[in-house]
Amino acid sequence: MFARPRTDGPMATGLYQSVQVDTGVAAATPHQLVKLLFEGFIGACSQARGAIRSGNVAAKGRAIGRAARIVEEGLRGGLNLKEGGKLAADLNDLYAYIGLRLTHANLHGDESAIAECQGLVQPLLDAWNAIAPPQEPAPSH
């Protein structure tokens, strides 16, 4: 006999949120995936800044770690340095700098370094949103 899963409480809420995120990623276009990376980075930085303000060292470390992984593995890792020309090289350098600043912020609890990183990525998100391809109409049933 199988136990019926709980549909209330924090554990169930987390499960549903996880499924919703996974579904959103699975259905996302490459353009939307990059947007999600930028937005995830900005959000992780906001969480890290809040954790620094509240003195929560563990939460600060987790949030900065998440932001760093997004930059390193998602944004920087997705660059095509062979065919991307100067733009890809410049973004690679920017992401490397952001990684250094995040490390500094984590070691020193430096909220201004995180704010700087957010300030460097926000214009990229804005530009990315500006070049979004038109949305396809939803299929009709």
N, C-alpha and C. Protein backbone atom coordinates (compact mmCIF):
# COMPACT_ATOMS: atom_id res chain seq x y z
N MET A 1 0.85 -1.16 0.00
CA MET A 1 0.00 0.00 0.00
C MET A 1 0.90 1.23 0.00
N PHE A 2 0.54 2.21 -0.82
CA PHE A 2 1.31 3.46 -0.90
C PHE A 2 0.71 4.51 0.01
N ALA A 3 1.56 5.26 0.63
CA ALA A 3 1.09 6.36 1.46
C ALA A 3 0.68 7.52 0.55
N ARG A 4 -0.40 8.14 0.91
CA ARG A 4 -0.87 9.28 0.13
C ARG A 4 0.01 10.48 0.46
N PRO A 5 0.56 11.17 -0.58
CA PRO A 5 1.43 12.31 -0.29
C PRO A 5 0.64 13.45 0.33
N ARG A 6 1.30 14.16 1.19
CA ARG A 6 0.68 15.33 1.82
C ARG A 6 0.52 16.42 0.79
N THR A 7 -0.57 17.14 0.88
CA THR A 7 -0.82 18.24 -0.05
C THR A 7 -0.88 19.56 0.68
N ASP A 8 -0.46 19.57 1.94
CA ASP A 8 -0.41 20.82 2.69
C ASP A 8 0.92 20.89 3.43
N GLY A 9 1.21 22.04 3.98
CA GLY A 9 2.42 22.19 4.77
C GLY A 9 3.62 22.60 3.93
N PRO A 10 4.70 22.98 4.61
CA PRO A 10 5.88 23.50 3.91
C PRO A 10 6.55 22.49 2.99
N MET A 11 6.54 21.21 3.38
CA MET A 11 7.21 20.22 2.54
C MET A 11 6.48 20.08 1.20
N ALA A 12 5.16 20.03 1.25
CA ALA A 12 4.38 19.92 0.01
C ALA A 12 4.53 21.18 -0.82
N THR A 13 4.53 22.34 -0.18
CA THR A 13 4.69 23.60 -0.90
C THR A 13 6.02 23.61 -1.63
N GLY A 14 7.09 23.20 -0.96
CA GLY A 14 8.40 23.15 -1.60
C GLY A 14 8.43 22.21 -2.77
N LEU A 15 7.77 21.07 -2.63
CA LEU A 15 7.72 20.09 -3.71
C LEU A 15 7.03 20.68 -4.93
N TYR A 16 5.87 21.31 -4.70
CA TYR A 16 5.13 21.89 -5.82
C TYR A 16 5.92 23.02 -6.47
N GLN A 17 6.58 23.84 -5.66
CA GLN A 17 7.40 24.91 -6.22
C GLN A 17 8.53 24.32 -7.06
N SER A 18 9.15 23.26 -6.58
CA SER A 18 10.23 22.61 -7.32
C SER A 18 9.74 22.08 -8.65
N VAL A 19 8.58 21.43 -8.63
CA VAL A 19 8.02 20.90 -9.87
C VAL A 19 7.70 22.02 -10.83
N GLN A 20 7.16 23.11 -10.31
CA GLN A 20 6.82 24.25 -11.15
C GLN A 20 8.08 24.84 -11.78
N VAL A 21 9.14 24.97 -11.01
CA VAL A 21 10.40 25.49 -11.55
C VAL A 21 10.95 24.53 -12.59
N ASP A 22 10.99 23.24 -12.28
CA ASP A 22 11.50 22.27 -13.24
C ASP A 22 10.70 22.29 -14.53
N THR A 23 9.39 22.38 -14.42
CA THR A 23 8.53 22.42 -15.60
C THR A 23 8.81 23.68 -16.39
N GLY A 24 8.97 24.80 -15.69
CA GLY A 24 9.25 26.06 -16.37
C GLY A 24 10.56 26.01 -17.14
N VAL A 25 11.56 25.40 -16.56
CA VAL A 25 12.86 25.28 -17.22
C VAL A 25 12.76 24.34 -18.41
N ALA A 26 12.07 23.23 -18.23
CA ALA A 26 11.95 22.25 -19.31
C ALA A 26 11.23 22.83 -20.52
N ALA A 27 10.29 23.73 -20.28
CA ALA A 27 9.51 24.30 -21.38
C ALA A 27 10.12 25.60 -21.91
N ALA A 28 11.19 26.07 -21.33
CA ALA A 28 11.76 27.37 -21.69
C ALA A 28 12.58 27.29 -22.98
N THR A 29 12.56 28.39 -23.71
CA THR A 29 13.41 28.53 -24.90
C THR A 29 14.82 28.86 -24.42
N PRO A 30 15.82 28.73 -25.29
CA PRO A 30 17.18 29.14 -24.89
C PRO A 30 17.22 30.59 -24.39
N HIS A 31 16.47 31.47 -25.03
CA HIS A 31 16.44 32.87 -24.60
C HIS A 31 15.88 32.98 -23.19
N GLN A 32 14.80 32.25 -22.92
CA GLN A 32 14.19 32.29 -21.60
C GLN A 32 15.11 31.68 -20.54
N LEU A 33 15.88 30.67 -20.91
CA LEU A 33 16.81 30.07 -19.95
C LEU A 33 17.87 31.07 -19.49
N VAL A 34 18.40 31.84 -20.43
CA VAL A 34 19.39 32.85 -20.06
C VAL A 34 18.74 33.91 -19.17
N LYS A 35 17.52 34.30 -19.50
CA LYS A 35 16.79 35.25 -18.67
C LYS A 35 16.63 34.71 -17.25
N LEU A 36 16.29 33.41 -17.13
CA LEU A 36 16.15 32.79 -15.82
C LEU A 36 17.48 32.82 -15.05
N LEU A 37 18.59 32.64 -15.75
CA LEU A 37 19.89 32.71 -15.10
C LEU A 37 20.15 34.11 -14.56
N PHE A 38 19.91 35.13 -15.40
CA PHE A 38 20.11 36.51 -14.94
C PHE A 38 19.22 36.81 -13.74
N GLU A 39 17.95 36.43 -13.83
CA GLU A 39 17.02 36.69 -12.73
C GLU A 39 17.40 35.92 -11.48
N GLY A 40 17.84 34.68 -11.65
CA GLY A 40 18.29 33.90 -10.50
C GLY A 40 19.50 34.52 -9.83
N PHE A 41 20.40 35.05 -10.64
CA PHE A 41 21.59 35.72 -10.09
C PHE A 41 21.18 36.94 -9.27
N ILE A 42 20.32 37.79 -9.85
CA ILE A 42 19.88 39.00 -9.14
C ILE A 42 19.18 38.60 -7.83
N GLY A 43 18.34 37.58 -7.88
CA GLY A 43 17.64 37.13 -6.68
C GLY A 43 18.58 36.59 -5.62
N ALA A 44 19.55 35.80 -6.04
CA ALA A 44 20.53 35.25 -5.09
C ALA A 44 21.33 36.37 -4.44
N CYS A 45 21.68 37.37 -5.21
CA CYS A 45 22.41 38.51 -4.64
C CYS A 45 21.55 39.27 -3.64
N SER A 46 20.27 39.44 -3.94
CA SER A 46 19.37 40.10 -2.98
C SER A 46 19.27 39.30 -1.70
N GLN A 47 19.21 37.98 -1.82
CA GLN A 47 19.16 37.13 -0.62
C GLN A 47 20.46 37.27 0.18
N ALA A 48 21.58 37.31 -0.51
CA ALA A 48 22.87 37.44 0.18
C ALA A 48 22.96 38.78 0.90
N ARG A 49 22.49 39.84 0.27
CA ARG A 49 22.52 41.17 0.91
C ARG A 49 21.65 41.18 2.15
N GLY A 50 20.47 40.57 2.06
CA GLY A 50 19.60 40.49 3.23
C GLY A 50 20.23 39.68 4.35
N ALA A 51 20.90 38.60 3.99
CA ALA A 51 21.57 37.76 4.99
C ALA A 51 22.70 38.51 5.66
N ILE A 52 23.43 39.31 4.90
CA ILE A 52 24.50 40.12 5.50
C ILE A 52 23.90 41.11 6.49
N ARG A 53 22.81 41.77 6.10
CA ARG A 53 22.17 42.75 6.98
C ARG A 53 21.67 42.10 8.28
N SER A 54 21.17 40.87 8.16
CA SER A 54 20.62 40.21 9.35
C SER A 54 21.67 39.41 10.12
N GLY A 55 22.89 39.36 9.59
CA GLY A 55 23.96 38.64 10.28
C GLY A 55 23.89 37.13 10.13
N ASN A 56 23.16 36.65 9.15
CA ASN A 56 23.02 35.21 8.94
C ASN A 56 24.12 34.73 8.00
N VAL A 57 25.22 34.30 8.58
CA VAL A 57 26.41 33.92 7.83
C VAL A 57 26.15 32.71 6.93
N ALA A 58 25.41 31.74 7.43
CA ALA A 58 25.15 30.53 6.63
C ALA A 58 24.30 30.87 5.40
N ALA A 59 23.26 31.67 5.58
CA ALA A 59 22.40 32.06 4.45
C ALA A 59 23.19 32.91 3.45
N LYS A 60 24.07 33.76 3.96
CA LYS A 60 24.92 34.57 3.08
C LYS A 60 25.77 33.67 2.21
N GLY A 61 26.39 32.69 2.81
CA GLY A 61 27.25 31.77 2.07
C GLY A 61 26.49 30.98 1.02
N ARG A 62 25.30 30.50 1.39
CA ARG A 62 24.49 29.75 0.42
C ARG A 62 24.07 30.63 -0.76
N ALA A 63 23.63 31.84 -0.47
CA ALA A 63 23.16 32.73 -1.53
C ALA A 63 24.31 33.17 -2.45
N ILE A 64 25.43 33.49 -1.86
CA ILE A 64 26.59 33.88 -2.69
C ILE A 64 27.06 32.68 -3.50
N GLY A 65 27.07 31.51 -2.88
CA GLY A 65 27.45 30.30 -3.62
C GLY A 65 26.53 30.06 -4.81
N ARG A 66 25.24 30.26 -4.62
CA ARG A 66 24.28 30.09 -5.72
C ARG A 66 24.55 31.12 -6.82
N ALA A 67 24.76 32.37 -6.43
CA ALA A 67 25.05 33.42 -7.42
C ALA A 67 26.33 33.09 -8.19
N ALA A 68 27.35 32.63 -7.49
CA ALA A 68 28.62 32.29 -8.13
C ALA A 68 28.46 31.13 -9.11
N ARG A 69 27.68 30.13 -8.72
CA ARG A 69 27.45 28.99 -9.63
C ARG A 69 26.68 29.42 -10.87
N ILE A 70 25.72 30.31 -10.71
CA ILE A 70 24.97 30.80 -11.86
C ILE A 70 25.91 31.49 -12.83
N VAL A 71 26.79 32.33 -12.30
CA VAL A 71 27.74 33.04 -13.17
C VAL A 71 28.72 32.08 -13.82
N GLU A 72 29.33 31.22 -13.02
CA GLU A 72 30.38 30.33 -13.53
C GLU A 72 29.84 29.25 -14.44
N GLU A 73 28.87 28.51 -13.95
CA GLU A 73 28.39 27.35 -14.69
C GLU A 73 27.33 27.69 -15.72
N GLY A 74 26.52 28.69 -15.44
CA GLY A 74 25.43 29.03 -16.34
C GLY A 74 25.82 30.06 -17.38
N LEU A 75 26.17 31.25 -16.90
CA LEU A 75 26.43 32.36 -17.82
C LEU A 75 27.81 32.24 -18.49
N ARG A 76 28.83 32.10 -17.69
CA ARG A 76 30.18 32.01 -18.24
C ARG A 76 30.39 30.71 -18.99
N GLY A 77 29.86 29.63 -18.44
CA GLY A 77 30.00 28.32 -19.06
C GLY A 77 29.28 28.22 -20.40
N GLY A 78 28.28 29.06 -20.60
CA GLY A 78 27.51 29.02 -21.84
C GLY A 78 28.07 29.88 -22.95
N LEU A 79 29.15 30.60 -22.68
CA LEU A 79 29.74 31.46 -23.71
C LEU A 79 30.46 30.63 -24.77
N ASN A 80 30.34 31.06 -26.01
CA ASN A 80 31.08 30.44 -27.10
C ASN A 80 32.24 31.38 -27.44
N LEU A 81 33.38 31.14 -26.80
CA LEU A 81 34.52 32.05 -26.96
C LEU A 81 35.16 31.95 -28.34
N LYS A 82 35.00 30.82 -29.04
CA LYS A 82 35.58 30.68 -30.37
C LYS A 82 34.83 31.50 -31.41
N GLU A 83 33.50 31.47 -31.32
CA GLU A 83 32.70 32.15 -32.35
C GLU A 83 32.05 33.43 -31.86
N GLY A 84 32.16 33.72 -30.58
CA GLY A 84 31.46 34.87 -30.00
C GLY A 84 32.17 36.19 -30.15
N GLY A 85 33.40 36.16 -30.62
CA GLY A 85 34.13 37.40 -30.86
C GLY A 85 34.40 38.21 -29.59
N LYS A 86 34.50 39.51 -29.79
CA LYS A 86 34.84 40.43 -28.70
C LYS A 86 33.76 40.44 -27.63
N LEU A 87 32.50 40.34 -28.01
CA LEU A 87 31.42 40.37 -27.03
C LEU A 87 31.55 39.19 -26.06
N ALA A 88 31.77 38.00 -26.57
CA ALA A 88 31.92 36.84 -25.70
C ALA A 88 33.15 36.99 -24.81
N ALA A 89 34.24 37.51 -25.36
CA ALA A 89 35.46 37.71 -24.56
C ALA A 89 35.21 38.74 -23.46
N ASP A 90 34.50 39.82 -23.79
CA ASP A 90 34.20 40.85 -22.79
C ASP A 90 33.29 40.31 -21.69
N LEU A 91 32.28 39.52 -22.09
CA LEU A 91 31.40 38.92 -21.09
C LEU A 91 32.16 37.93 -20.21
N ASN A 92 33.07 37.17 -20.81
CA ASN A 92 33.89 36.24 -20.04
C ASN A 92 34.70 36.99 -18.98
N ASP A 93 35.29 38.09 -19.38
CA ASP A 93 36.06 38.91 -18.43
C ASP A 93 35.15 39.49 -17.34
N LEU A 94 33.98 39.96 -17.73
CA LEU A 94 33.04 40.52 -16.76
C LEU A 94 32.61 39.45 -15.76
N TYR A 95 32.28 38.27 -16.25
CA TYR A 95 31.85 37.19 -15.35
C TYR A 95 32.99 36.77 -14.43
N ALA A 96 34.21 36.77 -14.92
CA ALA A 96 35.36 36.45 -14.06
C ALA A 96 35.50 37.50 -12.95
N TYR A 97 35.33 38.77 -13.31
CA TYR A 97 35.39 39.85 -12.32
C TYR A 97 34.29 39.70 -11.27
N ILE A 98 33.09 39.40 -11.74
CA ILE A 98 31.97 39.21 -10.82
C ILE A 98 32.28 38.05 -9.86
N GLY A 99 32.86 36.99 -10.36
CA GLY A 99 33.25 35.88 -9.50
C GLY A 99 34.23 36.30 -8.42
N LEU A 100 35.18 37.14 -8.78
CA LEU A 100 36.15 37.65 -7.79
C LEU A 100 35.46 38.52 -6.74
N ARG A 101 34.55 39.36 -7.19
CA ARG A 101 33.84 40.25 -6.26
C ARG A 101 32.93 39.46 -5.32
N LEU A 102 32.32 38.40 -5.85
CA LEU A 102 31.48 37.56 -4.98
C LEU A 102 32.33 36.85 -3.93
N THR A 103 33.50 36.39 -4.32
CA THR A 103 34.40 35.76 -3.36
C THR A 103 34.79 36.75 -2.28
N HIS A 104 35.13 37.96 -2.70
CA HIS A 104 35.47 39.02 -1.74
C HIS A 104 34.28 39.27 -0.79
N ALA A 105 33.08 39.39 -1.38
CA ALA A 105 31.89 39.66 -0.57
C ALA A 105 31.66 38.56 0.45
N ASN A 106 31.88 37.33 0.04
CA ASN A 106 31.67 36.20 0.95
C ASN A 106 32.69 36.20 2.08
N LEU A 107 33.92 36.46 1.75
CA LEU A 107 34.98 36.45 2.77
C LEU A 107 34.86 37.60 3.75
N HIS A 108 34.39 38.75 3.27
CA HIS A 108 34.39 39.97 4.09
C HIS A 108 33.00 40.46 4.47
N GLY A 109 31.96 39.75 4.06
CA GLY A 109 30.61 40.21 4.36
C GLY A 109 30.33 41.57 3.76
N ASP A 110 30.85 41.79 2.56
CA ASP A 110 30.80 43.11 1.91
C ASP A 110 29.55 43.24 1.04
N GLU A 111 28.52 43.85 1.60
CA GLU A 111 27.27 44.03 0.86
C GLU A 111 27.45 44.91 -0.37
N SER A 112 28.34 45.90 -0.29
CA SER A 112 28.53 46.80 -1.44
C SER A 112 29.12 46.05 -2.64
N ALA A 113 29.93 45.02 -2.40
CA ALA A 113 30.48 44.24 -3.50
C ALA A 113 29.37 43.46 -4.20
N ILE A 114 28.41 42.98 -3.42
CA ILE A 114 27.28 42.26 -4.02
C ILE A 114 26.41 43.23 -4.80
N ALA A 115 26.19 44.41 -4.24
CA ALA A 115 25.41 45.43 -4.95
C ALA A 115 26.09 45.80 -6.26
N GLU A 116 27.41 45.86 -6.23
CA GLU A 116 28.16 46.15 -7.46
C GLU A 116 27.90 45.07 -8.51
N CYS A 117 27.93 43.82 -8.09
CA CYS A 117 27.68 42.71 -9.01
C CYS A 117 26.27 42.78 -9.59
N GLN A 118 25.30 43.07 -8.74
CA GLN A 118 23.94 43.24 -9.24
C GLN A 118 23.87 44.37 -10.25
N GLY A 119 24.57 45.45 -9.97
CA GLY A 119 24.59 46.60 -10.87
C GLY A 119 25.25 46.28 -12.20
N LEU A 120 26.15 45.33 -12.22
CA LEU A 120 26.79 44.92 -13.47
C LEU A 120 25.91 43.98 -14.29
N VAL A 121 25.11 43.18 -13.62
CA VAL A 121 24.28 42.20 -14.32
C VAL A 121 22.92 42.77 -14.72
N GLN A 122 22.38 43.70 -13.95
CA GLN A 122 21.06 44.24 -14.27
C GLN A 122 20.97 44.80 -15.69
N PRO A 123 21.96 45.56 -16.17
CA PRO A 123 21.87 46.05 -17.56
C PRO A 123 21.90 44.91 -18.58
N LEU A 124 22.58 43.82 -18.26
CA LEU A 124 22.58 42.66 -19.15
C LEU A 124 21.19 42.05 -19.23
N LEU A 125 20.53 41.93 -18.07
CA LEU A 125 19.16 41.41 -18.04
C LEU A 125 18.23 42.35 -18.82
N ASP A 126 18.38 43.64 -18.62
CA ASP A 126 17.53 44.62 -19.33
C ASP A 126 17.73 44.51 -20.83
N ALA A 127 18.98 44.40 -21.26
CA ALA A 127 19.27 44.27 -22.70
C ALA A 127 18.73 42.95 -23.23
N TRP A 128 18.87 41.90 -22.44
CA TRP A 128 18.39 40.58 -22.86
C TRP A 128 16.87 40.61 -23.04
N ASN A 129 16.18 41.27 -22.11
CA ASN A 129 14.73 41.40 -22.22
C ASN A 129 14.34 42.21 -23.45
N ALA A 130 15.16 43.21 -23.78
CA ALA A 130 14.85 44.07 -24.93
C ALA A 130 14.96 43.33 -26.26
N ILE A 131 15.78 42.28 -26.31
CA ILE A 131 15.94 41.55 -27.57
C ILE A 131 15.16 40.24 -27.59
N ALA A 132 14.21 40.12 -26.65
CA ALA A 132 13.42 38.89 -26.58
C ALA A 132 12.66 38.66 -27.88
N PRO A 133 12.68 37.44 -28.38
CA PRO A 133 11.90 37.13 -29.59
C PRO A 133 10.42 37.23 -29.25
N PRO A 134 9.60 37.50 -30.27
CA PRO A 134 8.17 37.59 -29.99
C PRO A 134 7.64 36.25 -29.46
N GLN A 135 6.68 36.34 -28.56
CA GLN A 135 6.09 35.15 -27.97
C GLN A 135 5.20 34.46 -29.01
N GLU A 136 5.31 33.16 -29.04
CA GLU A 136 4.43 32.38 -29.91
C GLU A 136 3.06 32.31 -29.25
N PRO A 137 1.99 32.37 -30.04
CA PRO A 137 0.66 32.26 -29.43
C PRO A 137 0.48 30.88 -28.81
N ALA A 138 -0.27 30.86 -27.73
CA ALA A 138 -0.53 29.59 -27.05
C ALA A 138 -1.38 28.71 -27.94
N PRO A 139 -1.12 27.41 -27.95
CA PRO A 139 -1.92 26.53 -28.79
C PRO A 139 -3.37 26.54 -28.33
N SER A 140 -4.28 26.54 -29.29
CA SER A 140 -5.70 26.52 -28.95
C SER A 140 -6.19 25.09 -28.94
N HIS A 141 -7.11 24.82 -28.08
CA HIS A 141 -7.63 23.45 -27.95
C HIS A 141 -9.00 23.35 -28.51
